C-alpha atoms as a PDB file:
ATOM      1  CA  MET A   1       2.601 -79.168  59.811  1.00  0.00           C
ATOM      2  CA  ASN A   2       5.831 -80.016  61.560  1.00  0.00           C
ATOM      3  CA  LEU A   3       8.721 -79.527  59.143  1.00  0.00           C
ATOM      4  CA  LEU A   4      11.820 -81.661  59.396  1.00  0.00           C
ATOM      5  CA  LEU A   5      15.260 -80.050  59.345  1.00  0.00           C
ATOM      6  CA  ASN A   6      15.854 -81.125  55.733  1.00  0.00           C
ATOM      7  CA  GLU A   7      12.543 -79.600  54.681  1.00  0.00           C
ATOM      8  CA  LYS A   8      13.408 -76.356  56.463  1.00  0.00           C
ATOM      9  CA  LEU A   9      16.753 -76.224  54.657  1.00  0.00           C
ATOM     10  CA  ILE A  10      15.026 -76.749  51.314  1.00  0.00           C
ATOM     11  CA  LEU A  11      12.582 -73.938  52.082  1.00  0.00           C
ATOM     12  CA  LEU A  12      15.452 -71.688  53.165  1.00  0.00           C
ATOM     13  CA  TYR A  13      17.254 -72.448  49.895  1.00  0.00           C
ATOM     14  CA  ALA A  14      14.111 -71.592  47.895  1.00  0.00           C
ATOM     15  CA  ARG A  15      13.518 -68.367  49.843  1.00  0.00           C
ATOM     16  CA  LEU A  16      17.122 -67.204  49.605  1.00  0.00           C
ATOM     17  CA  PHE A  17      17.496 -67.738  45.890  1.00  0.00           C
ATOM     18  CA  LEU A  18      14.137 -66.176  45.116  1.00  0.00           C
ATOM     19  CA  ALA A  19      15.245 -63.198  47.218  1.00  0.00           C
ATOM     20  CA  PHE A  20      18.667 -63.075  45.526  1.00  0.00           C
ATOM     21  CA  SER A  21      16.927 -63.087  42.143  1.00  0.00           C
ATOM     22  CA  PHE A  22      14.932 -60.021  43.179  1.00  0.00           C
ATOM     23  CA  LEU A  23      18.052 -58.289  44.486  1.00  0.00           C
ATOM     24  CA  SER A  24      20.050 -59.166  41.368  1.00  0.00           C
ATOM     25  CA  ALA A  25      17.378 -57.583  39.155  1.00  0.00           C
ATOM     26  CA  VAL A  26      17.404 -54.461  41.336  1.00  0.00           C
ATOM     27  CA  ALA A  27      21.211 -54.342  41.237  1.00  0.00           C
ATOM     28  CA  ASP A  28      21.060 -54.522  37.434  1.00  0.00           C
ATOM     29  CA  ARG A  29      18.715 -51.512  37.340  1.00  0.00           C
ATOM     30  CA  PHE A  30      21.242 -49.450  39.260  1.00  0.00           C
ATOM     31  CA  GLY A  31      24.255 -50.557  37.234  1.00  0.00           C
ATOM     32  CA  PHE A  32      25.893 -52.732  39.898  1.00  0.00           C
ATOM     33  CA  TRP A  33      26.357 -55.631  37.442  1.00  0.00           C
ATOM     34  CA  GLY A  34      27.560 -53.370  34.621  1.00  0.00           C
ATOM     35  CA  SER A  35      26.471 -50.604  32.284  1.00  0.00           C
ATOM     36  CA  ALA A  36      23.623 -50.571  29.807  1.00  0.00           C
ATOM     37  CA  GLY A  37      24.593 -52.289  26.573  1.00  0.00           C
ATOM     38  CA  GLU A  38      27.257 -54.538  28.102  1.00  0.00           C
ATOM     39  CA  GLU A  39      27.001 -58.257  27.455  1.00  0.00           C
ATOM     40  CA  GLY A  40      24.832 -60.040  30.005  1.00  0.00           C
ATOM     41  CA  ILE A  41      23.347 -56.799  31.349  1.00  0.00           C
ATOM     42  CA  THR A  42      19.597 -56.473  31.036  1.00  0.00           C
ATOM     43  CA  TRP A  43      19.199 -52.800  31.968  1.00  0.00           C
ATOM     44  CA  GLY A  44      22.378 -51.343  33.433  1.00  0.00           C
ATOM     45  CA  ASP A  45      20.654 -48.143  34.532  1.00  0.00           C
ATOM     46  CA  PHE A  46      17.277 -47.135  35.893  1.00  0.00           C
ATOM     47  CA  GLN A  47      16.245 -45.206  32.775  1.00  0.00           C
ATOM     48  CA  SER A  48      16.529 -48.394  30.701  1.00  0.00           C
ATOM     49  CA  PHE A  49      14.355 -50.167  33.269  1.00  0.00           C
ATOM     50  CA  ILE A  50      11.739 -47.397  33.093  1.00  0.00           C
ATOM     51  CA  GLU A  51      11.667 -47.819  29.308  1.00  0.00           C
ATOM     52  CA  TYR A  52      11.141 -51.573  29.732  1.00  0.00           C
ATOM     53  CA  VAL A  53       8.302 -50.959  32.209  1.00  0.00           C
ATOM     54  CA  ALA A  54       6.708 -48.687  29.591  1.00  0.00           C
ATOM     55  CA  TYR A  55       7.119 -51.413  26.961  1.00  0.00           C
ATOM     56  CA  LEU A  56       5.470 -54.012  29.230  1.00  0.00           C
ATOM     57  CA  ASN A  57       2.586 -51.682  30.136  1.00  0.00           C
ATOM     58  CA  PRO A  58       1.497 -49.933  26.935  1.00  0.00           C
ATOM     59  CA  PHE A  59      -1.988 -49.376  28.361  1.00  0.00           C
ATOM     60  CA  LEU A  60      -0.736 -47.097  31.186  1.00  0.00           C
ATOM     61  CA  PHE A  61      -0.392 -43.337  30.935  1.00  0.00           C
ATOM     62  CA  ASP A  62       3.233 -42.340  30.366  1.00  0.00           C
ATOM     63  CA  SER A  63       3.160 -40.250  33.532  1.00  0.00           C
ATOM     64  CA  LEU A  64       2.527 -43.390  35.641  1.00  0.00           C
ATOM     65  CA  ILE A  65       5.428 -45.444  34.275  1.00  0.00           C
ATOM     66  CA  PRO A  66       8.269 -44.003  36.427  1.00  0.00           C
ATOM     67  CA  SER A  67       6.152 -44.377  39.572  1.00  0.00           C
ATOM     68  CA  LEU A  68       5.379 -47.996  38.700  1.00  0.00           C
ATOM     69  CA  ALA A  69       9.082 -48.661  38.104  1.00  0.00           C
ATOM     70  CA  TYR A  70       9.985 -47.250  41.535  1.00  0.00           C
ATOM     71  CA  VAL A  71       7.133 -49.088  43.293  1.00  0.00           C
ATOM     72  CA  VAL A  72       8.085 -52.433  41.739  1.00  0.00           C
ATOM     73  CA  THR A  73      11.743 -51.876  42.623  1.00  0.00           C
ATOM     74  CA  ALA A  74      10.909 -50.995  46.229  1.00  0.00           C
ATOM     75  CA  LEU A  75       8.575 -53.985  46.442  1.00  0.00           C
ATOM     76  CA  GLU A  76      11.293 -56.332  45.184  1.00  0.00           C
ATOM     77  CA  ILE A  77      13.735 -55.020  47.796  1.00  0.00           C
ATOM     78  CA  ILE A  78      11.184 -55.359  50.610  1.00  0.00           C
ATOM     79  CA  LEU A  79      10.071 -58.832  49.518  1.00  0.00           C
ATOM     80  CA  ALA A  80      13.692 -59.959  49.226  1.00  0.00           C
ATOM     81  CA  LEU A  81      14.455 -58.774  52.760  1.00  0.00           C
ATOM     82  CA  PHE A  82      11.324 -60.459  54.136  1.00  0.00           C
ATOM     83  CA  LEU A  83      12.237 -63.721  52.401  1.00  0.00           C
ATOM     84  CA  ILE A  84      15.851 -63.590  53.606  1.00  0.00           C
ATOM     85  CA  PHE A  85      14.991 -62.810  57.218  1.00  0.00           C
ATOM     86  CA  GLY A  86      11.880 -65.002  57.399  1.00  0.00           C
ATOM     87  CA  ILE A  87       9.441 -62.141  58.013  1.00  0.00           C
ATOM     88  CA  TYR A  88       5.785 -62.384  56.897  1.00  0.00           C
ATOM     89  CA  LEU A  89       6.625 -65.449  54.832  1.00  0.00           C
ATOM     90  CA  LYS A  90       3.061 -66.321  53.894  1.00  0.00           C
ATOM     91  CA  GLU A  91       2.280 -62.775  52.795  1.00  0.00           C
ATOM     92  CA  SER A  92       5.585 -62.077  51.063  1.00  0.00           C
ATOM     93  CA  SER A  93       5.384 -65.381  49.172  1.00  0.00           C
ATOM     94  CA  PHE A  94       1.878 -64.591  47.960  1.00  0.00           C
ATOM     95  CA  ILE A  95       2.760 -61.037  46.905  1.00  0.00           C
ATOM     96  CA  SER A  96       5.843 -62.410  45.113  1.00  0.00           C
ATOM     97  CA  PHE A  97       3.607 -64.894  43.296  1.00  0.00           C
ATOM     98  CA  ILE A  98       1.197 -62.169  42.136  1.00  0.00           C
ATOM     99  CA  MET A  99       3.974 -59.773  41.111  1.00  0.00           C
ATOM    100  CA  LEU A 100       5.898 -62.430  39.171  1.00  0.00           C
ATOM    101  CA  LEU A 101       2.759 -63.800  37.526  1.00  0.00           C
ATOM    102  CA  LEU A 102       1.786 -60.302  36.349  1.00  0.00           C
ATOM    103  CA  PHE A 103       5.343 -59.769  35.077  1.00  0.00           C
ATOM    104  CA  ALA A 104       5.286 -63.099  33.211  1.00  0.00           C
ATOM    105  CA  LEU A 105       1.904 -62.327  31.668  1.00  0.00           C
ATOM    106  CA  ALA A 106       3.022 -58.841  30.630  1.00  0.00           C
ATOM    107  CA  MET A 107       6.150 -60.328  29.041  1.00  0.00           C
ATOM    108  CA  SER A 108       4.027 -62.936  27.274  1.00  0.00           C
ATOM    109  CA  PHE A 109       1.564 -60.421  25.845  1.00  0.00           C
ATOM    110  CA  THR A 110       4.082 -57.755  24.806  1.00  0.00           C
ATOM    111  CA  SER A 111       6.988 -59.943  23.641  1.00  0.00           C
ATOM    112  CA  SER A 112       6.178 -63.637  23.582  1.00  0.00           C
ATOM    113  CA  ILE A 113       5.566 -66.416  26.030  1.00  0.00           C
ATOM    114  CA  LYS A 114       8.999 -67.765  25.067  1.00  0.00           C
ATOM    115  CA  VAL A 115      10.642 -64.712  26.665  1.00  0.00           C
ATOM    116  CA  ALA A 116       8.819 -65.356  29.943  1.00  0.00           C
ATOM    117  CA  PHE A 117       9.916 -69.000  29.805  1.00  0.00           C
ATOM    118  CA  ASP A 118      13.509 -68.118  28.880  1.00  0.00           C
ATOM    119  CA  TYR A 119      13.785 -65.819  31.908  1.00  0.00           C
ATOM    120  CA  SER A 120      12.072 -68.428  34.129  1.00  0.00           C
ATOM    121  CA  VAL A 121       9.508 -65.927  35.355  1.00  0.00           C
ATOM    122  CA  PHE A 122       6.705 -68.498  35.416  1.00  0.00           C
ATOM    123  CA  SER A 123       9.015 -70.847  37.348  1.00  0.00           C
ATOM    124  CA  ALA A 124       9.784 -68.169  39.928  1.00  0.00           C
ATOM    125  CA  SER A 125       6.088 -67.389  40.165  1.00  0.00           C
ATOM    126  CA  ALA A 126       5.311 -71.077  40.732  1.00  0.00           C
ATOM    127  CA  LEU A 127       8.029 -71.288  43.398  1.00  0.00           C
ATOM    128  CA  SER A 128       6.469 -68.301  45.167  1.00  0.00           C
ATOM    129  CA  LEU A 129       3.061 -69.961  45.081  1.00  0.00           C
ATOM    130  CA  LEU A 130       4.529 -73.189  46.446  1.00  0.00           C
ATOM    131  CA  LEU A 131       6.210 -71.270  49.290  1.00  0.00           C
ATOM    132  CA  PHE A 132       2.899 -69.573  50.025  1.00  0.00           C
ATOM    133  CA  LEU A 133       1.139 -72.941  50.200  1.00  0.00           C
ATOM    134  CA  VAL A 134       3.736 -74.346  52.620  1.00  0.00           C
ATOM    135  CA  TYR A 135       3.649 -71.300  54.907  1.00  0.00           C
ATOM    136  CA  TYR A 136      -0.138 -71.076  54.719  1.00  0.00           C
ATOM    137  CA  LYS A 137      -0.456 -74.698  55.804  1.00  0.00           C
ATOM    138  CA  GLU A 138       2.177 -74.245  58.510  1.00  0.00           C
ATOM    139  CA  LYS A 139       0.525 -71.113  59.907  1.00  0.00           C
ATOM    140  CA  ASN A 140      -2.931 -72.673  59.843  1.00  0.00           C
ATOM    141  CA  LYS A 141      -1.716 -76.100  61.037  1.00  0.00           C
ATOM    142  CA  LEU A 142      -3.076 -77.925  58.019  1.00  0.00           C
ATOM    143  CA  ALA A 143      -1.796 -81.313  56.869  1.00  0.00           C
END
C-alpha cells in the first residue's frame, strides 16, 4: 500500500495525538497538570491512580494493584514514544488497542459505559485498531 503524503500526515496526526493522550494521562498521575482534587485533574498523584486501578480491578489481589499501575504507566510511556518516533508501529498500535479496550471495558463494568464514552476510551481504542490495520496492510503489502 503506497501512502500519499496527505495520508501520511493524517496518520502522523493520529499517532501523535494518541501518544500525547497517553503522555497527558501519565503526567496527570505524577502531578504535572496539578494536584489531586484540583478542577480538571483526574488523579494529581500516583497514589490516587493506584486507588483508581484498584477500583477498576476489584478481582485482583490488593498486592498486585501497585505493580499493575506501574506496568500500565510504563507501557503508556513506551507506546507513546514508539508512536511519536514511528517505531514498531504495527505492534504498538495493536498493544494500544488491547490496552485501551481493556481499560474501556473495565470502566464500563465498574462505573458505567457512559464513563468510557465520556472519556472517549472506546474512540481511542478504535483509532489504535485503525492504525494497526493501516500498518499491518502496509507492512504486508496488502491493498
